[in-house]
Protein backbone atom coordinates (compact mmCIF):
# COMPACT_ATOMS: atom_id res chain seq x y z
CA UNK A 1 -3.87 24.86 -12.89
CA UNK A 2 -6.98 24.41 -14.98
CA UNK A 3 -8.70 27.79 -15.25
CA UNK A 4 -11.79 26.53 -17.02
CA UNK A 5 -14.78 26.80 -14.72
CA UNK A 6 -18.27 25.39 -15.03
CA UNK A 7 -21.04 27.89 -15.42
CA UNK A 8 -23.14 25.99 -12.90
CA UNK A 9 -22.44 23.90 -9.84
CA UNK A 10 -22.57 20.31 -11.00
CA UNK A 11 -22.49 16.85 -9.51
CA UNK A 12 -19.96 14.24 -10.59
CA UNK A 13 -22.48 12.12 -12.50
CA UNK A 14 -22.65 10.35 -15.84
CA UNK A 15 -25.53 12.56 -16.93
CA UNK A 16 -23.16 15.54 -16.73
CA UNK A 17 -20.34 13.88 -18.68
CA UNK A 18 -20.27 16.34 -21.58
CA UNK A 19 -20.06 19.34 -19.26
CA UNK A 20 -17.47 17.68 -17.02
CA UNK A 21 -15.16 17.01 -19.97
CA UNK A 22 -15.09 20.75 -20.69
CA UNK A 23 -13.40 21.58 -17.38
CA UNK A 24 -11.05 18.68 -16.65
CA UNK A 25 -7.58 18.44 -18.19
CA UNK A 26 -7.92 14.82 -19.27
CA UNK A 27 -10.65 12.23 -19.44
CA UNK A 28 -12.14 9.41 -21.50
CA UNK A 29 -12.10 9.70 -25.29
CA UNK A 30 -14.17 6.53 -25.57
CA UNK A 31 -17.88 5.79 -25.34
CA UNK A 32 -18.27 5.37 -21.58
CA UNK A 33 -21.70 3.76 -21.79
CA UNK A 34 -20.55 1.21 -24.38
CA UNK A 35 -17.40 0.42 -22.42
CA UNK A 36 -19.47 -0.30 -19.34
CA UNK A 37 -21.93 -2.49 -21.22
CA UNK A 38 -19.17 -4.47 -22.97
CA UNK A 39 -17.10 -4.84 -19.79
CA UNK A 40 -20.01 -6.08 -17.71
CA UNK A 41 -20.95 -8.63 -20.38
CA UNK A 42 -17.37 -9.78 -20.91
CA UNK A 43 -15.21 -8.72 -17.92
CA UNK A 44 -11.44 -9.05 -18.22
CA UNK A 45 -10.26 -7.36 -15.02
CA UNK A 46 -11.63 -7.93 -11.52
CA UNK A 47 -9.99 -5.70 -8.90
CA UNK A 48 -10.16 -6.25 -5.14
CA UNK A 49 -9.55 -3.02 -3.23
CA UNK A 50 -11.21 0.27 -4.14
CA UNK A 51 -9.08 2.81 -2.29
CA UNK A 52 -7.17 5.89 -3.34
CA UNK A 53 -4.14 4.19 -4.94
CA UNK A 54 -6.49 2.14 -7.08
CA UNK A 55 -8.64 5.04 -8.24
CA UNK A 56 -5.82 7.55 -8.54
CA UNK A 57 -3.23 5.43 -10.33
CA UNK A 58 -4.15 1.90 -11.37
CA UNK A 59 -7.54 2.79 -12.84
CA UNK A 60 -5.88 5.60 -14.78
CA UNK A 61 -3.32 3.18 -16.23
CA UNK A 62 -6.21 1.14 -17.64
CA UNK A 63 -7.96 4.27 -18.93
CA UNK A 64 -4.78 5.40 -20.70
CA UNK A 65 -4.72 2.06 -22.55
CA UNK A 66 -8.38 2.44 -23.51
CA UNK A 67 -7.79 6.00 -24.71
CA UNK A 68 -4.87 4.74 -26.81
CA UNK A 69 -7.14 2.21 -28.50
CA UNK A 70 -5.17 -0.70 -27.05
CA UNK A 71 -7.87 -1.85 -24.64
CA UNK A 72 -11.65 -2.17 -24.83
CA UNK A 73 -12.55 -3.25 -21.32
CA UNK A 74 -12.71 -1.39 -18.03
CA UNK A 75 -12.46 -2.71 -14.48
CA UNK A 76 -14.98 -4.32 -12.15
CA UNK A 77 -13.99 -3.36 -8.63
CA UNK A 78 -14.80 -5.09 -5.33
CA UNK A 79 -14.31 -3.52 -1.92
CA UNK A 80 -13.69 -6.40 0.48
CA UNK A 81 -12.96 -4.49 3.70
CA UNK A 82 -14.76 -1.14 3.89
CA UNK A 83 -18.16 -1.26 2.22
CA UNK A 84 -18.78 2.41 2.97
CA UNK A 85 -16.29 3.36 0.25
CA UNK A 86 -18.66 1.85 -2.32
CA UNK A 87 -21.79 3.20 -0.68
CA UNK A 88 -20.53 6.75 -0.14
CA UNK A 89 -17.95 7.37 -2.88
CA UNK A 90 -18.58 5.04 -5.81
CA UNK A 91 -22.37 4.75 -6.05
CA UNK A 92 -23.20 8.45 -5.51
CA UNK A 93 -20.80 9.44 -8.30
CA UNK A 94 -21.82 6.73 -10.80
CA UNK A 95 -18.39 5.11 -10.31
CA UNK A 96 -16.67 8.23 -11.67
CA UNK A 97 -13.67 9.78 -9.94
CA UNK A 98 -11.44 12.81 -10.30
CA UNK A 99 -7.71 12.08 -10.15
CA UNK A 100 -5.80 15.23 -9.29
CA UNK A 101 -2.02 15.30 -9.73
CA UNK A 102 -0.17 17.78 -7.52
CA UNK A 103 2.92 19.14 -9.24
CA UNK A 104 5.81 20.55 -7.23
CA UNK A 105 5.32 23.95 -8.93
CA UNK A 106 1.83 24.19 -7.46
CA UNK A 107 -0.13 23.35 -10.60
CA UNK A 108 -2.87 20.72 -10.56
CA UNK A 109 -3.85 18.35 -13.39
CA UNK A 110 -7.35 16.92 -13.15
CA UNK A 111 -8.31 13.68 -14.90
CA UNK A 112 -11.81 12.21 -15.04
CA UNK A 113 -11.65 8.45 -14.41
CA UNK A 114 -14.59 6.77 -16.13
CA UNK A 115 -13.52 3.16 -16.68
CA UNK A 116 -14.69 1.68 -13.36
CA UNK A 117 -17.60 -0.16 -14.84
CA UNK A 118 -19.19 -1.58 -11.69
CA UNK A 119 -18.55 -1.34 -7.95
CA UNK A 120 -19.28 -4.29 -5.70
CA UNK A 121 -18.91 -5.56 -2.16
CA UNK A 122 -18.68 -9.14 -0.93
CA UNK A 123 -22.46 -9.06 -0.57
CA UNK A 124 -22.55 -9.17 -4.38
CA UNK A 125 -21.04 -12.65 -4.42
CA UNK A 126 -23.26 -13.98 -7.21
CA UNK A 127 -21.93 -11.27 -9.54
CA UNK A 128 -18.36 -11.80 -8.35
CA UNK A 129 -18.64 -15.50 -9.13
CA UNK A 130 -20.08 -14.69 -12.55
CA UNK A 131 -17.05 -12.51 -13.31
CA UNK A 132 -14.62 -15.14 -11.98
CA UNK A 133 -16.11 -17.77 -14.29
CA UNK A 134 -15.80 -15.67 -17.46
CA UNK A 135 -13.33 -17.54 -19.70
CA UNK A 136 -11.94 -14.21 -20.95
CA UNK A 137 -11.13 -12.90 -17.49
CA UNK A 138 -7.43 -12.09 -17.56
CA UNK A 139 -6.67 -11.08 -14.02
CA UNK A 140 -7.78 -10.50 -10.49
CA UNK A 141 -5.79 -7.63 -9.00
CA UNK A 142 -5.35 -6.63 -5.38
CA UNK A 143 -4.79 -3.33 -3.60
CA UNK A 144 -5.84 -4.50 -0.15
CA UNK A 145 -2.71 -3.52 1.86
CA UNK A 146 -0.12 -6.02 3.02
CA UNK A 147 -2.19 -7.21 5.97
CA UNK A 148 -4.93 -8.35 3.58
CA UNK A 149 -2.87 -11.41 2.63
CA UNK A 150 -1.95 -12.35 6.18
CA UNK A 151 -3.49 -15.52 7.58
CA UNK A 152 -1.85 -15.46 11.02
CA UNK A 153 -2.48 -13.82 14.37
CA UNK A 154 0.30 -12.09 16.31
CA UNK A 155 1.10 -15.26 18.25
CA UNK A 156 1.84 -17.18 15.06
CA UNK A 157 -1.36 -19.21 15.04
CA UNK A 158 -3.91 -19.04 12.25
CA UNK A 159 -6.51 -16.30 12.60
CA UNK A 160 -9.81 -17.63 13.83
CA UNK A 161 -11.59 -16.75 10.60
CA UNK A 162 -8.94 -18.59 8.57
CA UNK A 163 -9.08 -21.66 10.81
CA UNK A 164 -12.86 -21.71 10.34
CA UNK A 165 -12.45 -21.38 6.57
CA UNK A 166 -10.06 -24.32 6.46
CA UNK A 167 -12.45 -26.40 8.49
CA UNK A 168 -15.65 -25.36 6.71
CA UNK A 169 -14.46 -25.38 3.10
CA UNK A 170 -14.89 -23.19 0.02
CA UNK A 171 -18.64 -22.79 0.25
CA UNK A 172 -18.38 -20.92 3.57
CA UNK A 173 -15.21 -18.92 2.99
CA UNK A 174 -14.99 -15.60 4.85
CA UNK A 175 -11.37 -14.35 4.69
CA UNK A 176 -10.63 -12.72 1.33
CA UNK A 177 -7.79 -15.10 0.53
CA UNK A 178 -10.14 -18.01 1.20
CA UNK A 179 -12.79 -16.40 -1.00
CA UNK A 180 -10.29 -15.94 -3.83
CA UNK A 181 -9.19 -19.57 -3.53
CA UNK A 182 -12.84 -20.64 -3.63
CA UNK A 183 -13.35 -18.54 -6.78
CA UNK A 184 -10.35 -20.26 -8.36
CA UNK A 185 -11.89 -23.62 -7.54
CA UNK A 186 -15.16 -22.61 -9.21
CA UNK A 187 -13.23 -21.47 -12.29
CA UNK A 188 -11.27 -24.72 -12.34
CA UNK A 189 -14.46 -26.76 -12.26
CA UNK A 190 -16.24 -24.56 -14.82
CA UNK A 191 -13.60 -24.16 -17.53
CA UNK A 192 -10.09 -24.49 -16.04
CA UNK A 193 -9.04 -21.38 -17.97
CA UNK A 194 -5.77 -19.73 -16.88
CA UNK A 195 -5.79 -16.62 -14.70
CA UNK A 196 -3.40 -14.13 -13.14
CA UNK A 197 -3.60 -13.00 -9.51
CA UNK A 198 -1.75 -9.69 -9.45
CA UNK A 199 -0.96 -7.88 -6.23
CA UNK A 200 -0.22 -4.20 -6.69
CA UNK A 201 0.21 -3.51 -3.03
CA UNK A 202 3.23 -1.78 -1.60
CA UNK A 203 4.62 -4.98 -0.07
CA UNK A 204 7.76 -7.01 -0.47
CA UNK A 205 7.36 -10.03 -2.79
CA UNK A 206 3.66 -9.22 -3.04
CA UNK A 207 2.94 -11.92 -5.61
CA UNK A 208 4.40 -14.53 -3.29
CA UNK A 209 2.19 -13.27 -0.46
CA UNK A 210 -0.88 -14.04 -2.57
CA UNK A 211 0.48 -17.37 -3.76
CA UNK A 212 1.51 -18.58 -0.31
CA UNK A 213 -1.88 -17.80 1.19
CA UNK A 214 -3.83 -19.34 -1.70
CA UNK A 215 -1.70 -22.48 -1.74
CA UNK A 216 -1.93 -23.00 2.01
CA UNK A 217 -5.71 -22.75 1.87
CA UNK A 218 -6.02 -24.92 -1.24
CA UNK A 219 -3.75 -27.66 0.10
CA UNK A 220 -5.51 -27.72 3.46
CA UNK A 221 -8.86 -28.00 1.68
CA UNK A 222 -7.37 -30.92 -0.26
CA UNK A 223 -6.38 -32.60 3.01
CA UNK A 224 -9.86 -31.98 4.37
CA UNK A 225 -11.55 -33.43 1.29
CA UNK A 226 -13.06 -30.22 -0.09
CA UNK A 227 -11.09 -30.03 -3.36
CA UNK A 228 -9.37 -32.43 -5.75
CA UNK A 229 -5.66 -32.93 -6.38
CA UNK A 230 -6.32 -31.66 -9.91
CA UNK A 231 -7.26 -28.27 -8.45
CA UNK A 232 -3.82 -27.94 -6.88
CA UNK A 233 -2.26 -28.83 -10.23
CA UNK A 234 -4.46 -26.20 -11.91
CA UNK A 235 -3.15 -23.48 -9.59
CA UNK A 236 0.44 -24.59 -10.03
CA UNK A 237 0.27 -24.79 -13.82
CA UNK A 238 -2.35 -22.27 -14.95
CA UNK A 239 -2.48 -19.51 -12.33
CA UNK A 240 0.30 -16.93 -12.18
CA UNK A 241 1.26 -14.71 -9.26
CA UNK A 242 3.46 -11.95 -10.70
CA UNK A 243 5.61 -9.72 -8.55
CA UNK A 244 5.07 -5.99 -8.86
CA UNK A 245 6.52 -2.81 -7.44
CA UNK A 246 4.25 0.18 -7.06
CA UNK A 247 5.25 3.64 -5.94
CA UNK A 248 2.88 6.60 -5.96
CA UNK A 249 1.78 8.55 -2.92
CA UNK A 250 -1.99 9.03 -2.75
CA UNK A 251 -2.65 10.63 0.64
CA UNK A 252 -5.89 11.56 2.30
CA UNK A 253 -8.08 14.07 0.43
CA UNK A 254 -6.54 17.52 0.83
CA UNK A 255 -8.42 20.74 1.50
CA UNK A 256 -6.44 22.50 -1.23
CA UNK A 257 -7.59 19.92 -3.77
CA UNK A 258 -11.18 20.04 -2.54
CA UNK A 259 -11.08 23.80 -3.12
CA UNK A 260 -9.60 23.25 -6.59
CA UNK A 261 -12.32 20.84 -7.76
CA UNK A 262 -15.04 23.02 -6.23
CA UNK A 263 -13.67 26.00 -8.16
CA UNK A 264 -14.03 23.88 -11.29
CA UNK A 265 -17.70 23.67 -10.39
CA UNK A 266 -18.03 20.25 -8.76
CA UNK A 267 -20.39 19.89 -5.82
CA UNK A 268 -20.47 17.33 -3.02
CA UNK A 269 -16.69 17.05 -2.86
CA UNK A 270 -16.44 16.93 0.93
CA UNK A 271 -14.18 14.10 2.13
CA UNK A 272 -15.74 11.18 3.98
CA UNK A 273 -14.20 9.32 6.89
CA UNK A 274 -15.73 5.87 7.10
CA UNK A 275 -16.35 4.00 10.33
CA UNK A 276 -13.31 1.85 9.49
CA UNK A 277 -11.06 4.88 9.13
CA UNK A 278 -10.83 5.28 5.35
CA UNK A 279 -10.40 8.86 4.14
CA UNK A 280 -12.02 9.19 0.72
CA UNK A 281 -13.75 11.75 -1.50
CA UNK A 282 -15.03 12.15 -5.03
CA UNK A 283 -11.45 13.05 -5.90
CA UNK A 284 -8.06 11.46 -5.28
CA UNK A 285 -4.96 13.64 -4.90
CA UNK A 286 -1.55 12.24 -5.71
CA UNK A 287 2.01 13.24 -6.45
CA UNK A 288 3.45 13.57 -9.94
CA UNK A 289 6.08 10.84 -9.53
CA UNK A 290 4.88 7.30 -10.10
CA UNK A 291 6.38 3.89 -10.75
CA UNK A 292 4.77 0.56 -11.47
CA UNK A 293 6.91 -2.41 -12.50
CA UNK A 294 5.18 -5.74 -13.18
CA UNK A 295 6.52 -9.21 -13.87
CA UNK A 296 5.27 -10.09 -17.34
CA UNK A 297 3.60 -13.45 -16.74
CA UNK A 298 -0.08 -13.50 -17.73
CA UNK A 299 -1.25 -16.90 -19.03
CA UNK A 300 -4.69 -15.69 -20.20
CA UNK A 301 -3.63 -12.38 -21.73
CA UNK A 302 -3.17 -9.03 -20.04
CA UNK A 303 -4.04 -5.34 -20.27
CA UNK A 304 -1.82 -3.02 -22.29
CA UNK A 305 -0.10 -1.76 -19.14
CA UNK A 306 2.68 -0.09 -21.11
CA UNK A 307 0.23 2.53 -22.39
CA UNK A 308 -0.06 3.79 -18.83
CA UNK A 309 3.69 4.07 -18.30
CA UNK A 310 4.14 0.69 -16.59
CA UNK A 311 7.46 -1.14 -16.83
CA UNK A 312 6.95 -4.78 -17.85
CA UNK A 313 9.95 -6.87 -16.84
CA UNK A 314 11.20 -10.29 -15.81
CA UNK A 315 10.90 -11.55 -12.25
CA UNK A 316 14.48 -10.83 -11.29
CA UNK A 317 14.25 -7.20 -12.39
CA UNK A 318 10.97 -6.61 -10.58
CA UNK A 319 12.40 -8.17 -7.46
CA UNK A 320 15.45 -5.90 -7.61
CA UNK A 321 13.34 -2.77 -8.14
CA UNK A 322 10.97 -3.73 -5.34
CA UNK A 323 13.84 -4.51 -2.99
CA UNK A 324 15.50 -1.22 -3.86
CA UNK A 325 12.40 0.83 -3.15
CA UNK A 326 10.80 -1.02 -0.25
CA UNK A 327 13.93 -1.79 1.75
CA UNK A 328 16.11 1.24 1.06
CA UNK A 329 15.15 4.11 -1.17
CA UNK A 330 11.70 5.18 -0.03
CA UNK A 331 9.66 3.07 2.39
CA UNK A 332 12.15 3.01 5.29
CA UNK A 333 12.61 6.77 5.00
CA UNK A 334 8.85 7.24 5.05
CA UNK A 335 8.53 5.14 8.21
CA UNK A 336 11.24 7.15 9.98
CA UNK A 337 9.47 10.40 9.11
CA UNK A 338 6.16 8.90 10.21
CA UNK A 339 7.13 7.78 13.71
CA UNK A 340 9.48 10.64 14.56
CA UNK A 341 7.11 13.10 12.92
CA UNK A 342 4.26 12.11 15.23
CA UNK A 343 6.49 12.43 18.30
CA UNK A 344 7.81 15.82 17.23
CA UNK A 345 4.41 17.24 16.36
CA UNK A 346 4.79 17.48 12.60
CA UNK A 347 1.63 17.35 10.53
CA UNK A 348 3.01 16.91 7.01
CA UNK A 349 5.91 15.16 5.33
CA UNK A 350 6.86 18.33 3.46
CA UNK A 351 7.14 20.17 6.79
CA UNK A 352 9.41 17.44 8.13
CA UNK A 353 11.78 18.01 5.24
CA UNK A 354 12.61 21.35 6.88
CA UNK A 355 13.61 19.51 10.07
CA UNK A 356 17.41 19.37 9.93
CA UNK A 357 17.86 16.32 12.16
CA UNK A 358 15.18 14.24 10.45
CA UNK A 359 16.59 14.98 7.01
CA UNK A 360 20.05 13.98 8.22
CA UNK A 361 18.62 10.77 9.68
CA UNK A 362 16.88 9.62 6.50
CA UNK A 363 19.98 10.47 4.45
CA UNK A 364 22.13 8.36 6.77
CA UNK A 365 19.72 5.43 6.53
CA UNK A 366 19.26 5.70 2.76
CA UNK A 367 22.63 6.72 1.38
CA UNK A 368 25.05 5.50 4.05
CA UNK A 369 23.50 2.28 5.32
CA UNK A 370 20.93 1.09 2.78
CA UNK A 371 22.71 1.59 -0.53
CA UNK A 372 25.53 -0.74 0.56
CA UNK A 373 23.28 -3.79 0.19
CA UNK A 374 21.04 -2.73 -2.72
CA UNK A 375 21.47 -4.24 -6.18
CA UNK A 376 20.97 -1.84 -9.08
CA UNK A 377 17.97 -3.22 -11.06
CA UNK A 378 19.08 -1.56 -14.28
CA UNK A 379 15.84 0.19 -15.26
CA UNK A 380 15.92 2.58 -12.28
CA UNK A 381 19.11 3.81 -10.57
CA UNK A 382 18.93 3.51 -6.76
CA UNK A 383 20.86 6.68 -5.93
CA UNK A 384 18.86 8.69 -8.47
CA UNK A 385 15.69 7.29 -6.91
CA UNK A 386 16.70 8.43 -3.41
CA UNK A 387 17.73 11.81 -4.81
CA UNK A 388 14.25 12.28 -6.26
CA UNK A 389 12.59 11.15 -3.03
CA UNK A 390 14.58 13.47 -0.78
CA UNK A 391 14.95 16.48 -3.05
CA UNK A 392 11.68 16.48 -4.98
CA UNK A 393 9.00 14.17 -3.64
CA UNK A 394 9.07 14.48 0.13
CA UNK A 395 9.53 18.31 0.13
CA UNK A 396 6.53 18.85 -2.20
CA UNK A 397 4.30 21.08 -0.05
CA UNK A 398 1.42 20.41 -2.41
CA UNK A 399 1.45 16.76 -1.32
CA UNK A 400 -0.40 16.96 2.00
CA UNK A 401 0.67 13.56 3.27
CA UNK A 402 0.86 13.14 7.01
CA UNK A 403 3.14 11.17 9.32
CA UNK A 404 0.02 9.98 11.10
CA UNK A 405 -1.27 8.23 7.96
CA UNK A 406 2.07 6.67 7.14
CA UNK A 407 2.47 5.40 10.72
CA UNK A 408 -0.54 3.11 10.22
CA UNK A 409 0.26 -0.62 10.51
CA UNK A 410 3.97 -0.02 11.12
CA UNK A 411 4.34 -3.41 12.82
CA UNK A 412 3.52 -5.01 9.46
CA UNK A 413 6.22 -3.00 7.67
CA UNK A 414 9.27 -3.00 9.95
CA UNK A 415 10.50 -6.47 8.98
CA UNK A 416 10.82 -5.50 5.34
CA UNK A 417 11.69 -1.82 5.56
CA UNK A 418 14.56 -2.37 7.99
CA UNK A 419 14.91 -6.10 8.54
CA UNK A 420 16.00 -6.80 4.97
CA UNK A 421 18.89 -4.34 5.18
CA UNK A 422 19.94 -5.82 8.51
CA UNK A 423 19.91 -9.27 6.91
CA UNK A 424 21.97 -7.88 4.05
CA UNK A 425 24.67 -6.86 6.50
CA UNK A 426 24.50 -10.18 8.34
CA UNK A 427 24.87 -12.15 5.09
CA UNK A 428 27.63 -10.03 3.52
CA UNK A 429 31.09 -11.11 4.64
CA UNK A 430 32.40 -7.66 3.78
CA UNK A 431 29.97 -5.87 6.09
CA UNK A 432 29.52 -5.83 9.86
CA UNK A 433 25.96 -5.57 11.15
CA UNK A 434 27.24 -3.73 14.22
CA UNK A 435 28.28 -0.85 11.97
CA UNK A 436 24.59 -0.02 11.63
CA UNK A 437 23.89 3.01 13.82
CA UNK A 438 20.94 4.78 12.24
CA UNK A 439 18.58 1.92 11.43
CA UNK A 440 18.70 0.99 15.16
CA UNK A 441 17.88 4.65 15.88
CA UNK A 442 14.88 4.31 13.56
CA UNK A 443 13.72 1.18 15.40
CA UNK A 444 14.15 2.87 18.77
CA UNK A 445 12.16 5.81 17.44
CA UNK A 446 9.26 3.49 16.64
CA UNK A 447 9.36 2.06 20.18
CA UNK A 448 9.39 5.60 21.57
CA UNK A 449 6.42 6.43 19.32
CA UNK A 450 4.49 3.49 20.80
CA UNK A 451 4.54 5.17 24.21
CA UNK A 452 1.96 7.56 22.76
CA UNK A 453 3.56 10.65 24.29
CA UNK A 454 5.10 13.43 22.20
CA UNK A 455 8.39 15.19 22.86
CA UNK A 456 6.60 17.79 24.98
CA UNK A 457 5.30 15.05 27.26
CA UNK A 458 1.72 15.25 25.97
CA UNK A 459 -0.31 12.22 24.90
CA UNK A 460 -1.19 11.78 21.23
CA UNK A 461 -3.31 9.24 19.38
CA UNK A 462 -1.44 6.30 17.89
CA UNK A 463 -2.32 5.26 14.34
CA UNK A 464 -4.11 1.95 13.83
CA UNK A 465 -2.00 -1.18 13.97
CA UNK A 466 -3.22 -4.81 14.02
CA UNK A 467 -0.63 -5.68 16.68
CA UNK A 468 -1.24 -2.68 18.91
CA UNK A 469 -2.53 -4.69 21.86
CA UNK A 470 0.55 -6.91 21.80
CA UNK A 471 2.86 -3.93 21.42
CA UNK A 472 1.29 -2.01 24.28
CA UNK A 473 1.47 -5.08 26.48
CA UNK A 474 5.16 -5.51 25.61
CA UNK A 475 5.94 -1.92 26.65
CA UNK A 476 3.35 -1.53 29.42
CA UNK A 477 5.81 -0.80 32.24
CA UNK A 478 7.85 1.77 30.31
CA UNK A 479 6.96 5.46 30.68
CA UNK A 480 8.50 8.75 29.66
CA UNK A 481 11.02 9.66 32.34
CA UNK A 482 10.71 6.22 33.94
CA UNK A 483 12.52 3.97 31.51
CA UNK A 484 13.47 0.45 32.48
CA UNK A 485 14.46 -2.64 30.55
CA UNK A 486 11.53 -5.01 30.99
CA UNK A 487 11.02 -8.62 30.03
CA UNK A 488 8.33 -7.44 27.62
CA UNK A 489 10.78 -5.16 25.82
CA UNK A 490 13.48 -7.83 25.64
CA UNK A 491 10.99 -10.37 24.27
CA UNK A 492 9.69 -7.87 21.70
CA UNK A 493 13.20 -7.29 20.34
CA UNK A 494 13.54 -11.02 19.61
CA UNK A 495 10.32 -11.09 17.55
CA UNK A 496 11.45 -11.96 14.02
CA UNK A 497 7.92 -11.58 12.69
CA UNK A 498 8.06 -7.86 13.51
CA UNK A 499 11.73 -6.99 12.95
CA UNK A 500 12.60 -9.54 10.27
CA UNK A 501 15.47 -10.73 12.47
CA UNK A 502 16.00 -11.54 16.12
CA UNK A 503 17.70 -8.31 17.17
CA UNK A 504 19.37 -10.04 20.12
CA UNK A 505 20.84 -12.76 17.94
CA UNK A 506 22.29 -10.28 15.43
CA UNK A 507 23.68 -8.11 18.21
CA UNK A 508 21.61 -4.94 17.78
CA UNK A 509 19.25 -5.23 20.75
CA UNK A 510 21.50 -3.41 23.21
CA UNK A 511 21.98 -0.44 20.89
CA UNK A 512 18.24 -0.19 20.24
CA UNK A 513 17.60 -0.27 24.00
CA UNK A 514 20.28 2.38 24.59
CA UNK A 515 18.70 4.69 22.02
CA UNK A 516 15.19 3.97 23.35
CA UNK A 517 16.30 4.90 26.87
CA UNK A 518 17.81 8.17 25.68
CA UNK A 519 14.72 9.02 23.62
CA UNK A 520 12.53 8.35 26.67
CA UNK A 521 14.49 10.31 29.30
CA UNK A 522 11.89 13.06 29.52
CA UNK A 523 10.34 15.98 27.60
CA UNK A 524 12.72 17.19 24.92
CA UNK A 525 14.78 14.00 24.95
CA UNK A 526 13.83 12.99 21.41
CA UNK A 527 15.15 16.20 19.92
CA UNK A 528 18.20 16.07 22.17
CA UNK A 529 18.98 12.49 21.13
CA UNK A 530 18.65 13.30 17.45
CA UNK A 531 20.98 16.28 17.85
CA UNK A 532 23.45 14.13 19.77
CA UNK A 533 23.82 11.58 16.98
CA UNK A 534 23.11 13.77 13.95
CA UNK A 535 24.43 17.16 14.98
């Protein structure tokens, strides 16, 4: 832990840069003012999404490249969902941030992030357009969560805002994917220079999510007479949509880290909870382990990602790494700990790793069921990855991540985190999908979680989920101690959009229902069920 302490309490501001650099472990070795001036005049990287993973990891990757002398431009960042992040966390701190790494031995490393050259919202559209038209712009990146690319409502129809965008054209675009497509059209008409749209969200086939949304919008605008056929050709030939795999936990600001940065002398470090539910502060805390693998396809040049420890690879390798992590080695295990953790009253992931039954459950899902359908990507070994997750990362008590945070938007994650493994069993002639016992227990645990009642029979607050109304309606007649198989439940289990497969068609619905009934028998039934199958 850094023992250097400021003589005076000091704000995280550019005017205090010299003093700040005396107390942090790492920071910029470049001329911050010049970098900002040069980057604003000639921007090369426009980032959508200003949250903790962006500030704590991705921005640092860029700063590492600048420090190494391999890069001379910072990042212009746009917050497209929660403007309060810009108003309350970026602007007051002159776009500076403290990235604090929490090591498993209890030591903290503190890095000053100073390469975020400007912070914008969608209200700053004139500036955003100016950046998009710069011929030297290399990429637009996205850390907007998986739901940010989604164009559809829960019933399968287009969202109202998307339908309006398709009808009204580029000039009146409102959904971010429509706005991005409109920016591409402006760039096409201005100079037709190539560009990369790079998703760095924790989502399966994230580059394809961007591409599919952009192409649907662009082609519909073509049909409606808003764009030319040449624009579609421009996207197909000059715009790339690389796949990436990102893995670094950046949880909500922790009290231990707030205390640490305050002891260094920083003031105004209190976390902020925005009206949209973002938890942010002048600092970001994150774990030591980190992985970022990016498909190396950048038609207009790219940042020196390697300087920040990024793996650059071909599409097949990225896809294998992403599949390994998202469908087997980490994300499914996180979701299990999230839903069961909320029901069992746990308040941190590290605490859950002392729960014998939960540890057994994630080991069964990861090692016994998941690894059978995972392809080794070569650059990272799947078993070694799970070993690190279970033995080092999750038990790190200095990583104050909560099951409540991870349970957010679970309906958007289930299809990939569990559905892909189920499909793997269905499609492998050497495997029998009905041999799966613990993934169905994970799915049943999520359904039990949705009842909003813990294992003591007391109500708790469910985390945000875009499909919550639909989910509650599907389970409305099911209560703790009064379980019954309803039409709503049966219909829910056939929803491929949520589960990735029709659980009835693949023959797992009855087992999920059986587990759900046992988990819902009454107070204490969750623990009893886990002991029954994992004892």
